[in-house]
Amino acid sequence: MNISLPDELRAFADEQVAAHVYASSSEYVRELIRRDRDDVRLREAVIAGLRSGDGSEIDPAYIDRLRARAAGDR
């Protein structure tokens, strides 16, 4: 895949590569795409959660149940 950028965006990408730990502009673009993919997945998960119905009340007992589940004490 080849991507053409206007000079302004290319200069910005080059600055980001130089200022961070990216080995190349390709690595920088891959990281941006990964972040965008993660953002899309998070947005989809939030929307699915909102559509799933009423939630539970979050109180100390709820937190205790979560801790027990995380510890494997189901």
N, C-alpha and C. Protein backbone atom coordinates (compact mmCIF):
# COMPACT_ATOMS: atom_id res chain seq x y z
N MET A 1 0.85 -1.17 0.00
CA MET A 1 0.00 0.00 0.00
C MET A 1 0.90 1.24 0.00
N ASN A 2 0.61 2.13 -0.88
CA ASN A 2 1.32 3.39 -0.92
C ASN A 2 0.35 4.50 -0.53
N ILE A 3 0.83 5.44 0.25
CA ILE A 3 -0.01 6.55 0.69
C ILE A 3 0.69 7.85 0.30
N SER A 4 -0.06 8.72 -0.34
CA SER A 4 0.46 10.03 -0.69
C SER A 4 -0.05 11.05 0.32
N LEU A 5 0.85 11.88 0.78
CA LEU A 5 0.49 12.91 1.76
C LEU A 5 0.91 14.27 1.24
N PRO A 6 0.11 15.29 1.55
CA PRO A 6 0.58 16.64 1.24
C PRO A 6 1.82 16.94 2.08
N ASP A 7 2.61 17.88 1.63
CA ASP A 7 3.87 18.20 2.31
C ASP A 7 3.69 18.47 3.80
N GLU A 8 2.64 19.18 4.16
CA GLU A 8 2.42 19.52 5.57
C GLU A 8 2.23 18.27 6.42
N LEU A 9 1.43 17.33 5.94
CA LEU A 9 1.20 16.11 6.71
C LEU A 9 2.44 15.22 6.72
N ARG A 10 3.15 15.17 5.62
CA ARG A 10 4.38 14.38 5.57
C ARG A 10 5.40 14.93 6.56
N ALA A 11 5.53 16.26 6.62
CA ALA A 11 6.47 16.88 7.57
C ALA A 11 6.06 16.56 9.00
N PHE A 12 4.76 16.61 9.27
CA PHE A 12 4.29 16.27 10.63
C PHE A 12 4.62 14.83 10.96
N ALA A 13 4.35 13.91 10.03
CA ALA A 13 4.65 12.50 10.27
C ALA A 13 6.15 12.30 10.50
N ASP A 14 6.97 12.96 9.71
CA ASP A 14 8.42 12.86 9.89
C ASP A 14 8.85 13.38 11.26
N GLU A 15 8.22 14.46 11.72
CA GLU A 15 8.52 14.99 13.06
C GLU A 15 8.15 13.99 14.14
N GLN A 16 7.01 13.32 13.97
CA GLN A 16 6.57 12.33 14.96
C GLN A 16 7.52 11.15 15.01
N VAL A 17 7.98 10.72 13.85
CA VAL A 17 8.94 9.61 13.80
C VAL A 17 10.22 10.01 14.52
N ALA A 18 10.70 11.22 14.26
CA ALA A 18 11.95 11.69 14.88
C ALA A 18 11.80 11.90 16.38
N ALA A 19 10.63 12.34 16.82
CA ALA A 19 10.44 12.69 18.23
C ALA A 19 10.06 11.50 19.10
N HIS A 20 9.68 10.39 18.49
CA HIS A 20 9.23 9.23 19.26
C HIS A 20 10.08 8.02 18.91
N VAL A 21 9.62 6.88 19.33
CA VAL A 21 10.41 5.66 19.15
C VAL A 21 10.07 4.91 17.87
N TYR A 22 9.48 5.57 16.91
CA TYR A 22 9.15 4.91 15.65
C TYR A 22 10.39 4.78 14.79
N ALA A 23 10.56 3.61 14.22
CA ALA A 23 11.73 3.37 13.36
C ALA A 23 11.53 3.94 11.96
N SER A 24 10.27 4.12 11.57
CA SER A 24 9.99 4.61 10.23
C SER A 24 8.60 5.21 10.18
N SER A 25 8.33 5.89 9.09
CA SER A 25 6.99 6.47 8.92
C SER A 25 5.96 5.35 8.78
N SER A 26 6.35 4.22 8.20
CA SER A 26 5.42 3.09 8.09
C SER A 26 5.01 2.59 9.48
N GLU A 27 5.98 2.51 10.38
CA GLU A 27 5.66 2.07 11.74
C GLU A 27 4.72 3.06 12.41
N TYR A 28 4.94 4.34 12.19
CA TYR A 28 4.08 5.37 12.75
C TYR A 28 2.65 5.23 12.23
N VAL A 29 2.50 5.03 10.94
CA VAL A 29 1.17 4.88 10.36
C VAL A 29 0.50 3.61 10.86
N ARG A 30 1.25 2.52 10.98
CA ARG A 30 0.68 1.28 11.53
C ARG A 30 0.15 1.51 12.93
N GLU A 31 0.90 2.24 13.76
CA GLU A 31 0.46 2.53 15.12
C GLU A 31 -0.81 3.36 15.12
N LEU A 32 -0.90 4.35 14.25
CA LEU A 32 -2.12 5.15 14.15
C LEU A 32 -3.31 4.30 13.76
N ILE A 33 -3.11 3.38 12.82
CA ILE A 33 -4.20 2.50 12.39
C ILE A 33 -4.61 1.58 13.53
N ARG A 34 -3.64 1.04 14.28
CA ARG A 34 -3.97 0.18 15.43
C ARG A 34 -4.79 0.95 16.46
N ARG A 35 -4.37 2.18 16.75
CA ARG A 35 -5.11 2.99 17.72
C ARG A 35 -6.54 3.26 17.25
N ASP A 36 -6.68 3.57 15.97
CA ASP A 36 -8.01 3.82 15.43
C ASP A 36 -8.87 2.55 15.51
N ARG A 37 -8.27 1.40 15.18
CA ARG A 37 -9.00 0.13 15.29
C ARG A 37 -9.46 -0.11 16.72
N ASP A 38 -8.56 0.15 17.69
CA ASP A 38 -8.92 -0.02 19.10
C ASP A 38 -10.04 0.94 19.51
N ASP A 39 -9.98 2.17 19.01
CA ASP A 39 -11.04 3.14 19.31
C ASP A 39 -12.39 2.68 18.76
N VAL A 40 -12.37 2.15 17.53
CA VAL A 40 -13.60 1.65 16.93
C VAL A 40 -14.16 0.49 17.75
N ARG A 41 -13.30 -0.43 18.15
CA ARG A 41 -13.75 -1.57 18.97
C ARG A 41 -14.32 -1.12 20.31
N LEU A 42 -13.66 -0.15 20.93
CA LEU A 42 -14.16 0.37 22.20
C LEU A 42 -15.52 1.02 22.01
N ARG A 43 -15.65 1.85 20.97
CA ARG A 43 -16.94 2.50 20.69
C ARG A 43 -18.03 1.46 20.48
N GLU A 44 -17.72 0.41 19.73
CA GLU A 44 -18.70 -0.66 19.48
C GLU A 44 -19.09 -1.36 20.77
N ALA A 45 -18.11 -1.59 21.64
CA ALA A 45 -18.40 -2.25 22.92
C ALA A 45 -19.27 -1.37 23.81
N VAL A 46 -19.00 -0.08 23.82
CA VAL A 46 -19.81 0.85 24.62
C VAL A 46 -21.24 0.88 24.10
N ILE A 47 -21.39 0.95 22.78
CA ILE A 47 -22.73 0.97 22.19
C ILE A 47 -23.47 -0.33 22.49
N ALA A 48 -22.78 -1.46 22.39
CA ALA A 48 -23.40 -2.75 22.71
C ALA A 48 -23.83 -2.78 24.17
N GLY A 49 -23.00 -2.23 25.04
CA GLY A 49 -23.35 -2.17 26.46
C GLY A 49 -24.56 -1.31 26.71
N LEU A 50 -24.63 -0.18 26.04
CA LEU A 50 -25.78 0.71 26.20
C LEU A 50 -27.06 0.06 25.71
N ARG A 51 -26.94 -0.74 24.66
CA ARG A 51 -28.12 -1.40 24.08
C ARG A 51 -28.51 -2.68 24.82
N SER A 52 -27.68 -3.12 25.76
CA SER A 52 -27.92 -4.41 26.41
C SER A 52 -28.99 -4.36 27.50
N GLY A 53 -29.48 -3.19 27.81
CA GLY A 53 -30.54 -3.09 28.81
C GLY A 53 -30.06 -2.39 30.06
N ASP A 54 -30.92 -2.43 31.04
CA ASP A 54 -30.61 -1.77 32.30
C ASP A 54 -29.43 -2.44 32.98
N GLY A 55 -28.64 -1.65 33.62
CA GLY A 55 -27.47 -2.16 34.32
C GLY A 55 -27.78 -2.47 35.78
N SER A 56 -26.74 -2.76 36.52
CA SER A 56 -26.86 -3.05 37.94
C SER A 56 -26.42 -1.83 38.73
N GLU A 57 -26.92 -1.73 39.91
CA GLU A 57 -26.48 -0.65 40.79
C GLU A 57 -25.07 -0.98 41.28
N ILE A 58 -24.22 0.00 41.24
CA ILE A 58 -22.85 -0.20 41.72
C ILE A 58 -22.78 0.29 43.15
N ASP A 59 -22.68 -0.67 44.04
CA ASP A 59 -22.57 -0.37 45.47
C ASP A 59 -21.44 -1.24 46.03
N PRO A 60 -21.10 -1.10 47.29
CA PRO A 60 -20.00 -1.90 47.85
C PRO A 60 -20.19 -3.41 47.67
N ALA A 61 -21.42 -3.89 47.76
CA ALA A 61 -21.66 -5.33 47.59
C ALA A 61 -21.34 -5.77 46.16
N TYR A 62 -21.67 -4.93 45.20
CA TYR A 62 -21.37 -5.23 43.79
C TYR A 62 -19.87 -5.32 43.58
N ILE A 63 -19.12 -4.37 44.15
CA ILE A 63 -17.66 -4.38 44.04
C ILE A 63 -17.09 -5.63 44.69
N ASP A 64 -17.63 -6.03 45.83
CA ASP A 64 -17.17 -7.24 46.51
C ASP A 64 -17.39 -8.48 45.64
N ARG A 65 -18.55 -8.53 44.94
CA ARG A 65 -18.82 -9.66 44.05
C ARG A 65 -17.84 -9.68 42.89
N LEU A 66 -17.53 -8.52 42.34
CA LEU A 66 -16.54 -8.45 41.27
C LEU A 66 -15.18 -8.94 41.73
N ARG A 67 -14.79 -8.50 42.90
CA ARG A 67 -13.49 -8.93 43.45
C ARG A 67 -13.46 -10.45 43.66
N ALA A 68 -14.54 -10.99 44.16
CA ALA A 68 -14.61 -12.44 44.38
C ALA A 68 -14.52 -13.19 43.04
N ARG A 69 -15.21 -12.69 42.01
CA ARG A 69 -15.13 -13.31 40.69
C ARG A 69 -13.71 -13.24 40.14
N ALA A 70 -13.09 -12.08 40.30
CA ALA A 70 -11.71 -11.91 39.78
C ALA A 70 -10.74 -12.82 40.50
N ALA A 71 -11.00 -13.10 41.76
CA ALA A 71 -10.13 -13.97 42.54
C ALA A 71 -10.44 -15.44 42.31
N GLY A 72 -11.52 -15.72 41.57
CA GLY A 72 -11.88 -17.10 41.28
C GLY A 72 -12.78 -17.73 42.31
N ASP A 73 -13.40 -16.92 43.17
CA ASP A 73 -14.25 -17.43 44.25
C ASP A 73 -15.71 -17.51 43.86
N ARG A 74 -16.02 -17.41 42.64
CA ARG A 74 -17.41 -17.37 42.15
C ARG A 74 -18.31 -17.99 43.14
